[in-house]
Amino acid sequence: MTPEQTGRITEHPVPGRGPYAIATGPDQALWYTLEGSGEIGRLVPGGSPATFEVAADSGPTIIVPGPDGALWFTEYHAHRIGRIAVDGTVTQLALRECGPYGIAAGPDGAIWFTETTTDAIGRIATDGTIAEFPLPVGEAFPSAIVAGPDEALWFTMNRANAIGRIGLDGAVTVHDLPTPDAAPVGITLGPDDALWFVEIAAGQIGRITVDGNITEHPLPDRGARPHAITAGADRLWFSEWGANRIGSITEDGVIESVALPTPGSEPHGLTLGPDGALWVALEHGALARMPI
């Protein structure tokens, strides 16, 4: 498949359906979920993509590097947690019906994940033991999760309109957002040791410090529907699902954005690649590369 270039952004078509999330693996390759076809993809910048079958109905969603040299991912539709070694070997852990979505490696060497439909945070220990921690808020729909700088995990509560923190002991703290019905989704640790998140319904980028101080930055296009966010060296990068753009915000709130070359490409997950560029999963069937 031949890359297509427009301005700063190069699109790389990939086999499979519905690229959704993307991460840089320990093998210096890009690993991404193909939610529509139940596969995991792998691409070395400059090379050809490869795919590894999970299951047609699994709905692999978020993928992250684990503490064990493999990649870990959620299977939203199949209610499983998956692990893929860098040689493509897939193993799976079955969960109750809980809609796992976000996933992160914790500071304790375990894998932590969100349970969207059961309002809980899950943890997988190194021996495969699964523990679940109920949230103190009902209908919270916990979504993305990330390790913070404070020996805890931070996560978005999409329907509860809040940011949550869970300690390694399972204790949960809830921080309500100032803007009603903002619907936070993606969250990441910023270069300033604060947590940055997107508010998909409010068209804003949020920032919360470990002591709970929240600031919000409105986007120029309030209908941009920001979805995922990742940290760069001096700014945060986020996908604008509704505006078909890639945005960035500096630590002091300066916002810029770049249009994607293909209309309706539906940008979702994004990551800093092993080549120093920003890579974005486009649901229409490609990965976008943007030098930064």
C-alpha atoms as a PDB file:
ATOM      1  CA  MET A   1       0.000   0.000   0.000  1.00  0.00           C
ATOM      2  CA  THR A   2       1.402   3.348  -1.058  1.00  0.00           C
ATOM      3  CA  PRO A   3       1.467   6.295   1.361  1.00  0.00           C
ATOM      4  CA  GLU A   4      -0.457   9.381   0.310  1.00  0.00           C
ATOM      5  CA  GLN A   5       0.935  12.770   1.311  1.00  0.00           C
ATOM      6  CA  THR A   6      -0.785  16.112   1.708  1.00  0.00           C
ATOM      7  CA  GLY A   7       1.204  18.953   3.258  1.00  0.00           C
ATOM      8  CA  ARG A   8       2.733  17.885   6.572  1.00  0.00           C
ATOM      9  CA  ILE A   9       0.681  14.713   6.891  1.00  0.00           C
ATOM     10  CA  THR A  10       1.303  11.382   5.172  1.00  0.00           C
ATOM     11  CA  GLU A  11      -1.418   8.728   5.211  1.00  0.00           C
ATOM     12  CA  HIS A  12      -0.440   5.046   5.213  1.00  0.00           C
ATOM     13  CA  PRO A  13      -3.342   2.735   4.250  1.00  0.00           C
ATOM     14  CA  VAL A  14      -3.432  -0.477   6.306  1.00  0.00           C
ATOM     15  CA  PRO A  15      -5.258  -3.797   5.852  1.00  0.00           C
ATOM     16  CA  GLY A  16      -8.099  -4.655   8.173  1.00  0.00           C
ATOM     17  CA  ARG A  17     -11.009  -2.457   9.267  1.00  0.00           C
ATOM     18  CA  GLY A  18     -11.319   0.381  11.707  1.00  0.00           C
ATOM     19  CA  PRO A  19      -7.922   1.420  13.101  1.00  0.00           C
ATOM     20  CA  TYR A  20      -8.797   2.780  16.535  1.00  0.00           C
ATOM     21  CA  ALA A  21      -5.901   3.063  19.017  1.00  0.00           C
ATOM     22  CA  ILE A  22      -2.142   3.081  18.492  1.00  0.00           C
ATOM     23  CA  ALA A  23       0.973   2.746  20.651  1.00  0.00           C
ATOM     24  CA  THR A  24       4.724   2.459  20.231  1.00  0.00           C
ATOM     25  CA  GLY A  25       5.966  -0.950  21.309  1.00  0.00           C
ATOM     26  CA  PRO A  26       9.237  -2.001  22.952  1.00  0.00           C
ATOM     27  CA  ASP A  27      10.374  -3.299  19.529  1.00  0.00           C
ATOM     28  CA  GLN A  28      10.284   0.233  18.078  1.00  0.00           C
ATOM     29  CA  ALA A  29       7.239  -0.600  15.977  1.00  0.00           C
ATOM     30  CA  LEU A  30       3.760   0.914  15.921  1.00  0.00           C
ATOM     31  CA  TRP A  31       1.033  -1.387  17.209  1.00  0.00           C
ATOM     32  CA  TYR A  32      -2.620  -0.563  16.602  1.00  0.00           C
ATOM     33  CA  THR A  33      -6.049  -2.071  17.110  1.00  0.00           C
ATOM     34  CA  LEU A  34      -8.326  -2.887  14.182  1.00  0.00           C
ATOM     35  CA  GLU A  35     -11.641  -2.699  15.972  1.00  0.00           C
ATOM     36  CA  GLY A  36     -13.728  -3.460  12.902  1.00  0.00           C
ATOM     37  CA  SER A  37     -11.967  -6.679  11.883  1.00  0.00           C
ATOM     38  CA  GLY A  38     -10.835  -8.025  15.259  1.00  0.00           C
ATOM     39  CA  GLU A  39      -7.115  -7.784  14.608  1.00  0.00           C
ATOM     40  CA  ILE A  40      -3.963  -6.141  15.907  1.00  0.00           C
ATOM     41  CA  GLY A  41      -1.720  -4.397  13.387  1.00  0.00           C
ATOM     42  CA  ARG A  42       2.009  -3.728  13.448  1.00  0.00           C
ATOM     43  CA  LEU A  43       3.973  -1.243  11.349  1.00  0.00           C
ATOM     44  CA  VAL A  44       7.645  -0.369  11.412  1.00  0.00           C
ATOM     45  CA  PRO A  45       7.985   3.163  10.007  1.00  0.00           C
ATOM     46  CA  GLY A  46       9.158   2.798   6.424  1.00  0.00           C
ATOM     47  CA  GLY A  47       8.014  -0.837   6.253  1.00  0.00           C
ATOM     48  CA  SER A  48       4.877  -2.772   5.375  1.00  0.00           C
ATOM     49  CA  PRO A  49       2.024  -3.406   7.832  1.00  0.00           C
ATOM     50  CA  ALA A  50       1.332  -6.825   9.313  1.00  0.00           C
ATOM     51  CA  THR A  51      -1.832  -8.021  11.051  1.00  0.00           C
ATOM     52  CA  PHE A  52      -2.476 -10.606  13.766  1.00  0.00           C
ATOM     53  CA  GLU A  53      -5.908 -12.136  14.283  1.00  0.00           C
ATOM     54  CA  VAL A  54      -7.608 -11.824  17.663  1.00  0.00           C
ATOM     55  CA  ALA A  55     -11.266 -12.700  16.975  1.00  0.00           C
ATOM     56  CA  ALA A  56     -13.751 -11.275  14.503  1.00  0.00           C
ATOM     57  CA  ASP A  57     -16.195 -10.148  17.203  1.00  0.00           C
ATOM     58  CA  SER A  58     -13.655  -9.106  19.866  1.00  0.00           C
ATOM     59  CA  GLY A  59     -13.580  -5.364  19.175  1.00  0.00           C
ATOM     60  CA  PRO A  60      -9.970  -4.709  20.234  1.00  0.00           C
ATOM     61  CA  THR A  61      -9.978  -1.153  21.479  1.00  0.00           C
ATOM     62  CA  ILE A  62      -7.139   0.489  23.448  1.00  0.00           C
ATOM     63  CA  ILE A  63      -3.574  -0.864  23.287  1.00  0.00           C
ATOM     64  CA  VAL A  64      -0.571   0.019  25.455  1.00  0.00           C
ATOM     65  CA  PRO A  65       2.926  -1.331  26.112  1.00  0.00           C
ATOM     66  CA  GLY A  66       3.017  -3.491  29.224  1.00  0.00           C
ATOM     67  CA  PRO A  67       5.669  -3.952  31.899  1.00  0.00           C
ATOM     68  CA  ASP A  68       6.621  -7.357  30.473  1.00  0.00           C
ATOM     69  CA  GLY A  69       7.830  -6.430  26.968  1.00  0.00           C
ATOM     70  CA  ALA A  70       4.453  -7.190  25.351  1.00  0.00           C
ATOM     71  CA  LEU A  71       1.460  -5.074  24.310  1.00  0.00           C
ATOM     72  CA  TRP A  72      -1.804  -5.271  26.233  1.00  0.00           C
ATOM     73  CA  PHE A  73      -5.232  -4.362  24.882  1.00  0.00           C
ATOM     74  CA  THR A  74      -8.905  -4.349  25.775  1.00  0.00           C
ATOM     75  CA  GLU A  75     -11.518  -6.366  23.884  1.00  0.00           C
ATOM     76  CA  TYR A  76     -14.604  -4.255  24.445  1.00  0.00           C
ATOM     77  CA  HIS A  77     -17.169  -6.496  22.732  1.00  0.00           C
ATOM     78  CA  ALA A  78     -15.764  -9.817  23.941  1.00  0.00           C
ATOM     79  CA  HIS A  79     -15.168  -8.664  27.549  1.00  0.00           C
ATOM     80  CA  ARG A  80     -11.553  -9.785  27.579  1.00  0.00           C
ATOM     81  CA  ILE A  81      -8.073  -8.409  28.142  1.00  0.00           C
ATOM     82  CA  GLY A  82      -5.607  -9.390  25.442  1.00  0.00           C
ATOM     83  CA  ARG A  83      -1.827  -9.626  25.383  1.00  0.00           C
ATOM     84  CA  ILE A  84       0.244  -9.749  22.221  1.00  0.00           C
ATOM     85  CA  ALA A  85       3.945 -10.540  22.289  1.00  0.00           C
ATOM     86  CA  VAL A  86       6.199  -8.796  19.787  1.00  0.00           C
ATOM     87  CA  ASP A  87       6.281 -12.045  17.761  1.00  0.00           C
ATOM     88  CA  GLY A  88       2.496 -11.801  17.317  1.00  0.00           C
ATOM     89  CA  THR A  89       1.453 -14.482  19.843  1.00  0.00           C
ATOM     90  CA  VAL A  90      -1.912 -13.558  21.389  1.00  0.00           C
ATOM     91  CA  THR A  91      -3.179 -14.663  24.800  1.00  0.00           C
ATOM     92  CA  GLN A  92      -6.440 -13.592  26.430  1.00  0.00           C
ATOM     93  CA  LEU A  93      -7.986 -13.286  29.868  1.00  0.00           C
ATOM     94  CA  ALA A  94     -11.754 -13.564  30.167  1.00  0.00           C
ATOM     95  CA  LEU A  95     -13.663 -11.049  32.302  1.00  0.00           C
ATOM     96  CA  ARG A  96     -17.263 -10.798  33.386  1.00  0.00           C
ATOM     97  CA  GLU A  97     -19.448  -8.739  31.020  1.00  0.00           C
ATOM     98  CA  CYS A  98     -18.032  -5.332  31.880  1.00  0.00           C
ATOM     99  CA  GLY A  99     -17.129  -3.526  28.634  1.00  0.00           C
ATOM    100  CA  PRO A 100     -13.376  -3.041  29.193  1.00  0.00           C
ATOM    101  CA  TYR A 101     -12.121   0.059  27.409  1.00  0.00           C
ATOM    102  CA  GLY A 102      -9.119   1.968  28.816  1.00  0.00           C
ATOM    103  CA  ILE A 103      -5.937   0.168  29.856  1.00  0.00           C
ATOM    104  CA  ALA A 104      -2.610   1.214  31.358  1.00  0.00           C
ATOM    105  CA  ALA A 105       0.503  -0.216  32.962  1.00  0.00           C
ATOM    106  CA  GLY A 106       0.523   0.740  36.619  1.00  0.00           C
ATOM    107  CA  PRO A 107       3.431   1.837  38.802  1.00  0.00           C
ATOM    108  CA  ASP A 108       3.097  -1.501  40.631  1.00  0.00           C
ATOM    109  CA  GLY A 109       3.923  -3.604  37.554  1.00  0.00           C
ATOM    110  CA  ALA A 110       0.274  -4.626  37.107  1.00  0.00           C
ATOM    111  CA  ILE A 111      -2.171  -3.878  34.280  1.00  0.00           C
ATOM    112  CA  TRP A 112      -5.101  -1.622  35.155  1.00  0.00           C
ATOM    113  CA  PHE A 113      -8.253  -1.182  33.073  1.00  0.00           C
ATOM    114  CA  THR A 114     -11.659   0.482  33.110  1.00  0.00           C
ATOM    115  CA  GLU A 115     -14.975  -1.367  33.166  1.00  0.00           C
ATOM    116  CA  THR A 116     -17.434   0.929  31.394  1.00  0.00           C
ATOM    117  CA  THR A 117     -20.656  -0.960  31.985  1.00  0.00           C
ATOM    118  CA  THR A 118     -20.049  -2.090  35.577  1.00  0.00           C
ATOM    119  CA  ASP A 119     -18.533   1.149  36.922  1.00  0.00           C
ATOM    120  CA  ALA A 120     -15.342  -0.385  38.234  1.00  0.00           C
ATOM    121  CA  ILE A 121     -11.584  -0.326  37.783  1.00  0.00           C
ATOM    122  CA  GLY A 122      -9.863  -3.654  37.202  1.00  0.00           C
ATOM    123  CA  ARG A 123      -6.319  -4.805  37.932  1.00  0.00           C
ATOM    124  CA  ILE A 124      -4.400  -7.791  36.565  1.00  0.00           C
ATOM    125  CA  ALA A 125      -1.453  -8.870  38.704  1.00  0.00           C
ATOM    126  CA  THR A 126       1.692 -10.445  37.282  1.00  0.00           C
ATOM    127  CA  ASP A 127       0.342 -13.910  38.178  1.00  0.00           C
ATOM    128  CA  GLY A 128      -2.880 -13.269  36.220  1.00  0.00           C
ATOM    129  CA  THR A 129      -5.074 -12.646  39.260  1.00  0.00           C
ATOM    130  CA  ILE A 130      -7.863 -10.150  38.541  1.00  0.00           C
ATOM    131  CA  ALA A 131      -9.173  -7.719  41.157  1.00  0.00           C
ATOM    132  CA  GLU A 132     -12.001  -5.226  40.707  1.00  0.00           C
ATOM    133  CA  PHE A 133     -12.617  -1.983  42.570  1.00  0.00           C
ATOM    134  CA  PRO A 134     -16.170  -0.539  42.415  1.00  0.00           C
ATOM    135  CA  LEU A 135     -16.485   3.199  41.878  1.00  0.00           C
ATOM    136  CA  PRO A 136     -18.391   5.304  44.404  1.00  0.00           C
ATOM    137  CA  VAL A 137     -20.431   6.852  41.566  1.00  0.00           C
ATOM    138  CA  GLY A 138     -23.097   5.020  39.568  1.00  0.00           C
ATOM    139  CA  GLU A 139     -23.412   5.229  35.773  1.00  0.00           C
ATOM    140  CA  ALA A 140     -19.924   6.747  35.631  1.00  0.00           C
ATOM    141  CA  PHE A 141     -18.786   4.981  32.423  1.00  0.00           C
ATOM    142  CA  PRO A 142     -15.056   5.078  33.271  1.00  0.00           C
ATOM    143  CA  SER A 143     -13.190   5.409  29.996  1.00  0.00           C
ATOM    144  CA  ALA A 144      -9.470   6.141  29.518  1.00  0.00           C
ATOM    145  CA  ILE A 145      -6.902   5.490  32.260  1.00  0.00           C
ATOM    146  CA  VAL A 146      -3.240   6.417  32.733  1.00  0.00           C
ATOM    147  CA  ALA A 147      -0.581   6.156  35.418  1.00  0.00           C
ATOM    148  CA  GLY A 148      -0.011   9.447  37.216  1.00  0.00           C
ATOM    149  CA  PRO A 149       3.147  10.880  38.787  1.00  0.00           C
ATOM    150  CA  ASP A 150       1.865  10.064  42.285  1.00  0.00           C
ATOM    151  CA  GLU A 151       1.843   6.235  42.458  1.00  0.00           C
ATOM    152  CA  ALA A 152      -1.797   6.183  41.388  1.00  0.00           C
ATOM    153  CA  LEU A 153      -3.936   5.741  38.271  1.00  0.00           C
ATOM    154  CA  TRP A 154      -6.083   8.552  36.869  1.00  0.00           C
ATOM    155  CA  PHE A 155      -9.139   7.988  34.695  1.00  0.00           C
ATOM    156  CA  THR A 156     -11.999   9.800  33.016  1.00  0.00           C
ATOM    157  CA  MET A 157     -15.590   9.240  34.097  1.00  0.00           C
ATOM    158  CA  ASN A 158     -17.443  10.024  30.902  1.00  0.00           C
ATOM    159  CA  ARG A 159     -21.047  10.011  32.110  1.00  0.00           C
ATOM    160  CA  ALA A 160     -20.329  11.149  35.659  1.00  0.00           C
ATOM    161  CA  ASN A 161     -18.538  14.222  34.230  1.00  0.00           C
ATOM    162  CA  ALA A 162     -15.543  13.755  36.484  1.00  0.00           C
ATOM    163  CA  ILE A 163     -11.926  12.697  36.736  1.00  0.00           C
ATOM    164  CA  GLY A 164     -11.121   9.816  39.055  1.00  0.00           C
ATOM    165  CA  ARG A 165      -7.995   8.763  40.909  1.00  0.00           C
ATOM    166  CA  ILE A 166      -7.406   5.265  42.244  1.00  0.00           C
ATOM    167  CA  GLY A 167      -4.566   4.435  44.566  1.00  0.00           C
ATOM    168  CA  LEU A 168      -2.747   1.117  44.506  1.00  0.00           C
ATOM    169  CA  ASP A 169      -4.859   0.133  47.519  1.00  0.00           C
ATOM    170  CA  GLY A 170      -8.055   0.628  45.500  1.00  0.00           C
ATOM    171  CA  ALA A 171      -9.137   3.866  47.217  1.00  0.00           C
ATOM    172  CA  VAL A 172     -10.955   6.152  44.754  1.00  0.00           C
ATOM    173  CA  THR A 173     -11.168   9.946  44.739  1.00  0.00           C
ATOM    174  CA  VAL A 174     -13.588  11.768  42.412  1.00  0.00           C
ATOM    175  CA  HIS A 175     -13.022  15.282  41.033  1.00  0.00           C
ATOM    176  CA  ASP A 176     -16.113  16.815  39.403  1.00  0.00           C
ATOM    177  CA  LEU A 177     -15.564  18.948  36.302  1.00  0.00           C
ATOM    178  CA  PRO A 178     -16.575  22.628  36.293  1.00  0.00           C
ATOM    179  CA  THR A 179     -18.342  22.371  32.912  1.00  0.00           C
ATOM    180  CA  PRO A 180     -21.602  20.369  33.004  1.00  0.00           C
ATOM    181  CA  ASP A 181     -21.984  17.439  30.595  1.00  0.00           C
ATOM    182  CA  ALA A 182     -18.427  17.799  29.261  1.00  0.00           C
ATOM    183  CA  ALA A 183     -18.057  13.995  28.783  1.00  0.00           C
ATOM    184  CA  PRO A 184     -14.294  13.472  29.274  1.00  0.00           C
ATOM    185  CA  VAL A 185     -12.709  10.622  27.294  1.00  0.00           C
ATOM    186  CA  GLY A 186      -8.939  10.511  26.680  1.00  0.00           C
ATOM    187  CA  ILE A 187      -6.411  11.280  29.414  1.00  0.00           C
ATOM    188  CA  THR A 188      -2.607  11.372  29.539  1.00  0.00           C
ATOM    189  CA  LEU A 189       0.245  12.454  31.779  1.00  0.00           C
ATOM    190  CA  GLY A 190       1.666  15.762  30.581  1.00  0.00           C
ATOM    191  CA  PRO A 191       5.282  16.949  30.535  1.00  0.00           C
ATOM    192  CA  ASP A 192       4.361  19.195  33.492  1.00  0.00           C
ATOM    193  CA  ASP A 193       3.340  16.217  35.686  1.00  0.00           C
ATOM    194  CA  ALA A 194      -0.320  17.193  35.471  1.00  0.00           C
ATOM    195  CA  LEU A 195      -3.023  15.042  33.908  1.00  0.00           C
ATOM    196  CA  TRP A 196      -4.474  16.370  30.646  1.00  0.00           C
ATOM    197  CA  PHE A 197      -7.785  15.169  29.245  1.00  0.00           C
ATOM    198  CA  VAL A 198     -10.283  15.895  26.501  1.00  0.00           C
ATOM    199  CA  GLU A 199     -13.908  16.934  26.942  1.00  0.00           C
ATOM    200  CA  ILE A 200     -15.591  15.525  23.849  1.00  0.00           C
ATOM    201  CA  ALA A 201     -19.025  17.091  24.375  1.00  0.00           C
ATOM    202  CA  ALA A 202     -17.803  20.513  25.557  1.00  0.00           C
ATOM    203  CA  GLY A 203     -15.053  20.964  22.957  1.00  0.00           C
ATOM    204  CA  GLN A 204     -12.410  21.647  25.592  1.00  0.00           C
ATOM    205  CA  ILE A 205      -9.050  20.403  26.821  1.00  0.00           C
ATOM    206  CA  GLY A 206      -8.796  19.958  30.577  1.00  0.00           C
ATOM    207  CA  ARG A 207      -5.879  19.820  32.998  1.00  0.00           C
ATOM    208  CA  ILE A 208      -5.894  18.518  36.563  1.00  0.00           C
ATOM    209  CA  THR A 209      -3.038  18.611  39.035  1.00  0.00           C
ATOM    210  CA  VAL A 210      -2.458  15.815  41.542  1.00  0.00           C
ATOM    211  CA  ASP A 211      -4.020  17.996  44.244  1.00  0.00           C
ATOM    212  CA  GLY A 212      -7.222  18.291  42.211  1.00  0.00           C
ATOM    213  CA  ASN A 213      -6.918  21.778  40.701  1.00  0.00           C
ATOM    214  CA  ILE A 214      -8.768  21.806  37.355  1.00  0.00           C
ATOM    215  CA  THR A 215      -8.424  24.239  34.445  1.00  0.00           C
ATOM    216  CA  GLU A 216     -10.235  24.032  31.094  1.00  0.00           C
ATOM    217  CA  HIS A 217      -9.226  25.401  27.693  1.00  0.00           C
ATOM    218  CA  PRO A 218     -11.996  25.886  25.079  1.00  0.00           C
ATOM    219  CA  LEU A 219     -11.124  24.902  21.528  1.00  0.00           C
ATOM    220  CA  PRO A 220     -11.716  27.423  18.716  1.00  0.00           C
ATOM    221  CA  ASP A 221     -14.191  24.926  17.243  1.00  0.00           C
ATOM    222  CA  ARG A 222     -16.401  23.848  20.133  1.00  0.00           C
ATOM    223  CA  GLY A 223     -17.862  21.110  17.928  1.00  0.00           C
ATOM    224  CA  ALA A 224     -14.462  19.503  17.265  1.00  0.00           C
ATOM    225  CA  ARG A 225     -15.213  16.525  19.546  1.00  0.00           C
ATOM    226  CA  PRO A 226     -11.687  15.884  20.854  1.00  0.00           C
ATOM    227  CA  HIS A 227     -11.268  12.187  21.554  1.00  0.00           C
ATOM    228  CA  ALA A 228      -7.749  10.950  22.430  1.00  0.00           C
ATOM    229  CA  ILE A 229      -4.713  12.800  23.796  1.00  0.00           C
ATOM    230  CA  THR A 230      -1.003  12.078  24.141  1.00  0.00           C
ATOM    231  CA  ALA A 231       1.991  13.965  25.471  1.00  0.00           C
ATOM    232  CA  GLY A 232       4.866  15.409  23.460  1.00  0.00           C
ATOM    233  CA  ALA A 233       8.058  17.000  24.699  1.00  0.00           C
ATOM    234  CA  ASP A 234       6.587  20.486  25.139  1.00  0.00           C
ATOM    235  CA  ARG A 235       2.873  20.171  24.370  1.00  0.00           C
ATOM    236  CA  LEU A 236      -0.078  17.804  24.243  1.00  0.00           C
ATOM    237  CA  TRP A 237      -1.510  16.382  21.006  1.00  0.00           C
ATOM    238  CA  PHE A 238      -5.139  15.373  20.549  1.00  0.00           C
ATOM    239  CA  SER A 239      -7.463  14.079  17.847  1.00  0.00           C
ATOM    240  CA  GLU A 240     -10.459  16.178  16.787  1.00  0.00           C
ATOM    241  CA  TRP A 241     -12.899  13.498  15.741  1.00  0.00           C
ATOM    242  CA  GLY A 242     -15.670  15.890  14.734  1.00  0.00           C
ATOM    243  CA  ALA A 243     -13.463  18.417  12.906  1.00  0.00           C
ATOM    244  CA  ASN A 244     -11.177  15.937  11.096  1.00  0.00           C
ATOM    245  CA  ARG A 245      -8.113  17.633  12.543  1.00  0.00           C
ATOM    246  CA  ILE A 246      -5.142  17.031  14.822  1.00  0.00           C
ATOM    247  CA  GLY A 247      -4.774  19.614  17.584  1.00  0.00           C
ATOM    248  CA  SER A 248      -2.067  20.604  20.017  1.00  0.00           C
ATOM    249  CA  ILE A 249      -1.981  22.621  23.219  1.00  0.00           C
ATOM    250  CA  THR A 250       1.019  24.012  25.061  1.00  0.00           C
ATOM    251  CA  GLU A 251       1.312  23.973  28.837  1.00  0.00           C
ATOM    252  CA  ASP A 252       0.189  27.617  28.925  1.00  0.00           C
ATOM    253  CA  GLY A 253      -2.903  26.934  26.803  1.00  0.00           C
ATOM    254  CA  VAL A 254      -1.894  27.945  23.254  1.00  0.00           C
ATOM    255  CA  ILE A 255      -3.942  25.820  20.837  1.00  0.00           C
ATOM    256  CA  GLU A 256      -3.188  24.993  17.193  1.00  0.00           C
ATOM    257  CA  SER A 257      -4.603  22.431  14.773  1.00  0.00           C
ATOM    258  CA  VAL A 258      -3.854  20.840  11.405  1.00  0.00           C
ATOM    259  CA  ALA A 259      -6.460  19.463   8.979  1.00  0.00           C
ATOM    260  CA  LEU A 260      -6.242  15.836   7.887  1.00  0.00           C
ATOM    261  CA  PRO A 261      -6.048  15.335   4.110  1.00  0.00           C
ATOM    262  CA  THR A 262      -8.930  12.848   3.793  1.00  0.00           C
ATOM    263  CA  PRO A 263     -12.422  14.139   4.656  1.00  0.00           C
ATOM    264  CA  GLY A 264     -14.283  12.087   7.250  1.00  0.00           C
ATOM    265  CA  SER A 265     -11.226  10.083   8.280  1.00  0.00           C
ATOM    266  CA  GLU A 266     -12.368   9.855  11.944  1.00  0.00           C
ATOM    267  CA  PRO A 267      -9.106  10.274  13.881  1.00  0.00           C
ATOM    268  CA  HIS A 268      -8.973   8.397  17.177  1.00  0.00           C
ATOM    269  CA  GLY A 269      -5.844   7.235  19.008  1.00  0.00           C
ATOM    270  CA  LEU A 270      -2.446   8.859  18.574  1.00  0.00           C
ATOM    271  CA  THR A 271       1.096   8.315  19.798  1.00  0.00           C
ATOM    272  CA  LEU A 272       4.638   9.566  19.390  1.00  0.00           C
ATOM    273  CA  GLY A 273       6.299   7.082  17.057  1.00  0.00           C
ATOM    274  CA  PRO A 274       9.790   5.598  17.234  1.00  0.00           C
ATOM    275  CA  ASP A 275      10.775   7.960  14.401  1.00  0.00           C
ATOM    276  CA  GLY A 276       9.909  11.075  16.428  1.00  0.00           C
ATOM    277  CA  ALA A 277       6.748  11.811  14.428  1.00  0.00           C
ATOM    278  CA  LEU A 278       3.141  11.835  15.606  1.00  0.00           C
ATOM    279  CA  TRP A 279       1.115   8.847  14.383  1.00  0.00           C
ATOM    280  CA  VAL A 280      -2.687   8.793  14.353  1.00  0.00           C
ATOM    281  CA  ALA A 281      -5.143   5.931  13.816  1.00  0.00           C
ATOM    282  CA  LEU A 282      -7.765   6.901  11.222  1.00  0.00           C
ATOM    283  CA  GLU A 283     -10.909   4.802  11.271  1.00  0.00           C
ATOM    284  CA  HIS A 284     -11.375   5.103   7.512  1.00  0.00           C
ATOM    285  CA  GLY A 285      -8.464   2.660   7.102  1.00  0.00           C
ATOM    286  CA  ALA A 286      -5.088   4.332   7.492  1.00  0.00           C
ATOM    287  CA  LEU A 287      -2.421   5.579   9.865  1.00  0.00           C
ATOM    288  CA  ALA A 288      -1.432   9.236   9.549  1.00  0.00           C
ATOM    289  CA  ARG A 289       2.130  10.431  10.146  1.00  0.00           C
ATOM    290  CA  MET A 290       2.868  14.049  11.001  1.00  0.00           C
ATOM    291  CA  PRO A 291       6.386  15.369  11.696  1.00  0.00           C
ATOM    292  CA  ILE A 292       6.471  17.459  14.861  1.00  0.00           C
END
